[in-house]
Every structure is written in structure tokens, then in C-alpha cells.
């Protein structure tokens, strides 16, 4: 997913792997020293986009969102966010090792305030931008 942050009126976007839980919260891990994590520490408001891959002749579909991001404190292997993230990428990243303090990795939770579906394919009628209600 593309994750957007902002500091000092300068926007930044980066790509992160993500997972979600049943309450539609999003999770990603990253190094606390990265630009986007430094910006989240100063301003937790984020936005982003989860896009289906499409070619030059395809019509795009994506989910855009906005919300707030925070570090998941005192995470253990039993926490849902940990399981959701680790379960999505088995064997790809050693989450336990990455999240050790000496490695600088942290698990972040995005509490989404709004989701929007952008659909140019005509799957939704009418095509365009649709606000998706959150059912938490």
C-alpha cells in the first residue's frame, strides 16, 4: 500500500507491506528512523491507497483511506496485530527479530477514520469515488 505522511507542509509517500484485522485497522512494520515513521511521530494523521495492479489499458480500482497511525506498544506474539501481520508474510520477514529494540523495527497500527473506493471499471454504479461506511 502507499502510505502518505506530512511534516512542515511537505508531503511524503512510501510503499509498505500491510495487514488488516476484522475491525478494518491496518498494520505495517517499519524502522523508527525512516522518514515516514519520523513524520508519524510528529503528526499521526496519515492517508493512503491500496491499488489493484492495472495496465495502461485497464481502468483503475483502489481503496483510499485516511486515519491516524501509532506504534503498537509492548507487542507480543500473542497480540492480534502481530498475528495478522506475521500471518500475511510467513517466512518473508522474521517479525520477532525485526521488532527487537536493537533492530529499530516497530509495528504500527492505522486506525482508519474513512475509506473510499475509487472505481473506474463500472463495477459500482455510478463509477467514480464512493465513501465506504465503517462498521466497527
C-alpha atoms as a PDB file:
ATOM      1  CA  UNK A   1       0.000   0.000   0.000  1.00  0.00           C
ATOM      2  CA  UNK A   2       1.041   3.579  -0.498  1.00  0.00           C
ATOM      3  CA  UNK A   3       1.259   5.463   2.792  1.00  0.00           C
ATOM      4  CA  UNK A   4       1.259   9.268   2.909  1.00  0.00           C
ATOM      5  CA  UNK A   5       2.576  11.384   5.773  1.00  0.00           C
ATOM      6  CA  UNK A   6       3.281  15.085   6.131  1.00  0.00           C
ATOM      7  CA  UNK A   7       5.630  17.278   8.156  1.00  0.00           C
ATOM      8  CA  UNK A   8       6.239  21.001   7.864  1.00  0.00           C
ATOM      9  CA  UNK A   9       3.769  21.166   4.956  1.00  0.00           C
ATOM     10  CA  UNK A  10       5.920  18.756   2.943  1.00  0.00           C
ATOM     11  CA  UNK A  11       4.057  15.572   1.936  1.00  0.00           C
ATOM     12  CA  UNK A  12       5.780  12.200   1.658  1.00  0.00           C
ATOM     13  CA  UNK A  13       4.579   8.879   0.264  1.00  0.00           C
ATOM     14  CA  UNK A  14       6.148   5.446   0.574  1.00  0.00           C
ATOM     15  CA  UNK A  15       5.224   1.832  -0.036  1.00  0.00           C
ATOM     16  CA  UNK A  16       4.729  -0.581   2.875  1.00  0.00           C
ATOM     17  CA  UNK A  17       3.504  -4.148   3.257  1.00  0.00           C
ATOM     18  CA  UNK A  18       0.325  -4.245   5.309  1.00  0.00           C
ATOM     19  CA  UNK A  19      -2.188  -6.487   7.005  1.00  0.00           C
ATOM     20  CA  UNK A  20      -5.617  -5.770   8.455  1.00  0.00           C
ATOM     21  CA  UNK A  21      -7.796  -7.006  11.272  1.00  0.00           C
ATOM     22  CA  UNK A  22     -11.537  -7.659  11.488  1.00  0.00           C
ATOM     23  CA  UNK A  23     -12.160  -4.061  12.592  1.00  0.00           C
ATOM     24  CA  UNK A  24     -10.542  -2.743   9.380  1.00  0.00           C
ATOM     25  CA  UNK A  25      -7.471  -1.385  11.173  1.00  0.00           C
ATOM     26  CA  UNK A  26      -4.295  -1.580   9.091  1.00  0.00           C
ATOM     27  CA  UNK A  27      -0.880  -2.742  10.338  1.00  0.00           C
ATOM     28  CA  UNK A  28       2.598  -2.250   8.910  1.00  0.00           C
ATOM     29  CA  UNK A  29       6.106  -2.581  10.264  1.00  0.00           C
ATOM     30  CA  UNK A  30       8.917  -0.178   9.626  1.00  0.00           C
ATOM     31  CA  UNK A  31      12.091   1.218  11.088  1.00  0.00           C
ATOM     32  CA  UNK A  32      11.514   4.101  13.515  1.00  0.00           C
ATOM     33  CA  UNK A  33      14.319   6.045  11.825  1.00  0.00           C
ATOM     34  CA  UNK A  34      12.630   6.064   8.405  1.00  0.00           C
ATOM     35  CA  UNK A  35      11.205   9.344   7.168  1.00  0.00           C
ATOM     36  CA  UNK A  36       7.569   8.217   7.304  1.00  0.00           C
ATOM     37  CA  UNK A  37       7.938   6.937  10.895  1.00  0.00           C
ATOM     38  CA  UNK A  38       9.643  10.148  11.992  1.00  0.00           C
ATOM     39  CA  UNK A  39       6.777  12.105  10.448  1.00  0.00           C
ATOM     40  CA  UNK A  40       4.165   9.892  12.153  1.00  0.00           C
ATOM     41  CA  UNK A  41       5.874  10.588  15.482  1.00  0.00           C
ATOM     42  CA  UNK A  42       5.368  14.320  14.872  1.00  0.00           C
ATOM     43  CA  UNK A  43       1.969  14.108  13.139  1.00  0.00           C
ATOM     44  CA  UNK A  44      -0.053  10.862  13.388  1.00  0.00           C
ATOM     45  CA  UNK A  45      -2.510  11.789  10.602  1.00  0.00           C
ATOM     46  CA  UNK A  46      -1.944   9.606   7.534  1.00  0.00           C
ATOM     47  CA  UNK A  47      -3.647   8.690   4.303  1.00  0.00           C
ATOM     48  CA  UNK A  48      -3.015   6.011   1.773  1.00  0.00           C
ATOM     49  CA  UNK A  49      -4.105   3.908  -1.142  1.00  0.00           C
ATOM     50  CA  UNK A  50      -4.400   0.188  -1.754  1.00  0.00           C
ATOM     51  CA  UNK A  51      -4.458  -0.298  -5.513  1.00  0.00           C
ATOM     52  CA  UNK A  52      -5.145  -3.320  -7.664  1.00  0.00           C
ATOM     53  CA  UNK A  53      -2.438  -3.702 -10.274  1.00  0.00           C
ATOM     54  CA  UNK A  54      -3.583  -2.436 -13.657  1.00  0.00           C
ATOM     55  CA  UNK A  55      -2.027  -1.952 -17.067  1.00  0.00           C
ATOM     56  CA  UNK A  56      -2.127   1.053 -19.401  1.00  0.00           C
ATOM     57  CA  UNK A  57      -5.442  -0.003 -20.958  1.00  0.00           C
ATOM     58  CA  UNK A  58      -7.110  -1.110 -17.700  1.00  0.00           C
ATOM     59  CA  UNK A  59      -9.389   1.073 -15.624  1.00  0.00           C
ATOM     60  CA  UNK A  60      -8.143   1.571 -12.051  1.00  0.00           C
ATOM     61  CA  UNK A  61      -9.724   0.324  -8.853  1.00  0.00           C
ATOM     62  CA  UNK A  62      -8.413   1.204  -5.425  1.00  0.00           C
ATOM     63  CA  UNK A  63      -9.294   1.786  -1.818  1.00  0.00           C
ATOM     64  CA  UNK A  64      -8.163   5.126  -0.393  1.00  0.00           C
ATOM     65  CA  UNK A  65      -8.191   5.835   3.328  1.00  0.00           C
ATOM     66  CA  UNK A  66      -7.379   8.370   5.991  1.00  0.00           C
ATOM     67  CA  UNK A  67      -6.767   7.887   9.685  1.00  0.00           C
ATOM     68  CA  UNK A  68      -4.177   8.016  12.429  1.00  0.00           C
ATOM     69  CA  UNK A  69      -1.110   5.859  12.951  1.00  0.00           C
ATOM     70  CA  UNK A  70       0.540   4.816  16.189  1.00  0.00           C
ATOM     71  CA  UNK A  71       3.171   2.382  17.385  1.00  0.00           C
ATOM     72  CA  UNK A  72       1.740  -0.787  18.880  1.00  0.00           C
ATOM     73  CA  UNK A  73       3.418  -0.686  22.302  1.00  0.00           C
ATOM     74  CA  UNK A  74       4.592  -3.762  24.185  1.00  0.00           C
ATOM     75  CA  UNK A  75       3.715  -6.127  21.377  1.00  0.00           C
ATOM     76  CA  UNK A  76       3.947  -9.862  21.885  1.00  0.00           C
ATOM     77  CA  UNK A  77       3.483 -12.828  19.599  1.00  0.00           C
ATOM     78  CA  UNK A  78       0.003 -13.237  21.078  1.00  0.00           C
ATOM     79  CA  UNK A  79      -1.276  -9.801  20.011  1.00  0.00           C
ATOM     80  CA  UNK A  80      -3.764  -9.774  17.155  1.00  0.00           C
ATOM     81  CA  UNK A  81      -1.853  -7.126  15.202  1.00  0.00           C
ATOM     82  CA  UNK A  82       1.315  -9.202  15.394  1.00  0.00           C
ATOM     83  CA  UNK A  83      -0.503 -12.352  14.264  1.00  0.00           C
ATOM     84  CA  UNK A  84      -2.259 -10.514  11.424  1.00  0.00           C
ATOM     85  CA  UNK A  85       0.993  -9.071  10.113  1.00  0.00           C
ATOM     86  CA  UNK A  86       3.154 -12.141  10.679  1.00  0.00           C
ATOM     87  CA  UNK A  87       0.490 -14.441   9.226  1.00  0.00           C
ATOM     88  CA  UNK A  88       0.306 -12.464   5.998  1.00  0.00           C
ATOM     89  CA  UNK A  89       4.045 -12.737   5.320  1.00  0.00           C
ATOM     90  CA  UNK A  90       5.128 -16.155   6.650  1.00  0.00           C
ATOM     91  CA  UNK A  91       8.825 -16.731   6.129  1.00  0.00           C
ATOM     92  CA  UNK A  92       9.283 -13.412   4.309  1.00  0.00           C
ATOM     93  CA  UNK A  93      10.258 -11.377   7.325  1.00  0.00           C
ATOM     94  CA  UNK A  94      11.218 -12.537  10.778  1.00  0.00           C
ATOM     95  CA  UNK A  95       8.878 -10.229  12.668  1.00  0.00           C
ATOM     96  CA  UNK A  96      10.255 -11.253  16.074  1.00  0.00           C
ATOM     97  CA  UNK A  97      13.789 -10.265  15.055  1.00  0.00           C
ATOM     98  CA  UNK A  98      12.749  -7.081  13.245  1.00  0.00           C
ATOM     99  CA  UNK A  99      10.736  -5.813  16.229  1.00  0.00           C
ATOM    100  CA  UNK A 100      13.605  -6.228  18.711  1.00  0.00           C
ATOM    101  CA  UNK A 101      14.627  -2.807  20.083  1.00  0.00           C
ATOM    102  CA  UNK A 102      18.183  -3.105  18.792  1.00  0.00           C
ATOM    103  CA  UNK A 103      16.884  -3.559  15.221  1.00  0.00           C
ATOM    104  CA  UNK A 104      14.726  -0.418  15.286  1.00  0.00           C
ATOM    105  CA  UNK A 105      11.608  -2.086  13.921  1.00  0.00           C
ATOM    106  CA  UNK A 106       8.155  -1.239  15.194  1.00  0.00           C
ATOM    107  CA  UNK A 107       4.687  -2.448  14.357  1.00  0.00           C
ATOM    108  CA  UNK A 108       2.299   0.399  13.554  1.00  0.00           C
ATOM    109  CA  UNK A 109      -1.491   0.383  13.678  1.00  0.00           C
ATOM    110  CA  UNK A 110      -3.537   2.699  11.497  1.00  0.00           C
ATOM    111  CA  UNK A 111      -6.980   3.402  12.889  1.00  0.00           C
ATOM    112  CA  UNK A 112      -8.887   4.292   9.748  1.00  0.00           C
ATOM    113  CA  UNK A 113     -11.479   7.065  10.020  1.00  0.00           C
ATOM    114  CA  UNK A 114     -12.676   6.916   6.399  1.00  0.00           C
ATOM    115  CA  UNK A 115     -12.419   4.521   3.473  1.00  0.00           C
ATOM    116  CA  UNK A 116     -13.230   5.378  -0.142  1.00  0.00           C
ATOM    117  CA  UNK A 117     -13.485   3.094  -3.160  1.00  0.00           C
ATOM    118  CA  UNK A 118     -12.313   4.550  -6.429  1.00  0.00           C
ATOM    119  CA  UNK A 119     -13.769   2.535  -9.301  1.00  0.00           C
ATOM    120  CA  UNK A 120     -13.433   3.418 -12.958  1.00  0.00           C
ATOM    121  CA  UNK A 121     -14.414  -0.080 -14.134  1.00  0.00           C
ATOM    122  CA  UNK A 122     -18.173   0.331 -13.799  1.00  0.00           C
ATOM    123  CA  UNK A 123     -18.376  -2.383 -11.114  1.00  0.00           C
ATOM    124  CA  UNK A 124     -20.020   0.240  -8.928  1.00  0.00           C
ATOM    125  CA  UNK A 125     -22.841   2.241 -10.380  1.00  0.00           C
ATOM    126  CA  UNK A 126     -22.142   5.033 -10.983  1.00  0.00           C
ATOM    127  CA  UNK A 127     -18.382   4.675 -11.457  1.00  0.00           C
ATOM    128  CA  UNK A 128     -16.206   7.079  -9.502  1.00  0.00           C
ATOM    129  CA  UNK A 129     -15.463   7.738  -5.851  1.00  0.00           C
ATOM    130  CA  UNK A 130     -17.650   6.105  -3.193  1.00  0.00           C
ATOM    131  CA  UNK A 131     -17.431   6.658   0.578  1.00  0.00           C
ATOM    132  CA  UNK A 132     -17.465   3.311   2.370  1.00  0.00           C
ATOM    133  CA  UNK A 133     -19.097   3.207   5.800  1.00  0.00           C
ATOM    134  CA  UNK A 134     -17.087   1.717   8.655  1.00  0.00           C
ATOM    135  CA  UNK A 135     -18.886  -0.943  10.657  1.00  0.00           C
ATOM    136  CA  UNK A 136     -16.866  -1.228  13.838  1.00  0.00           C
END
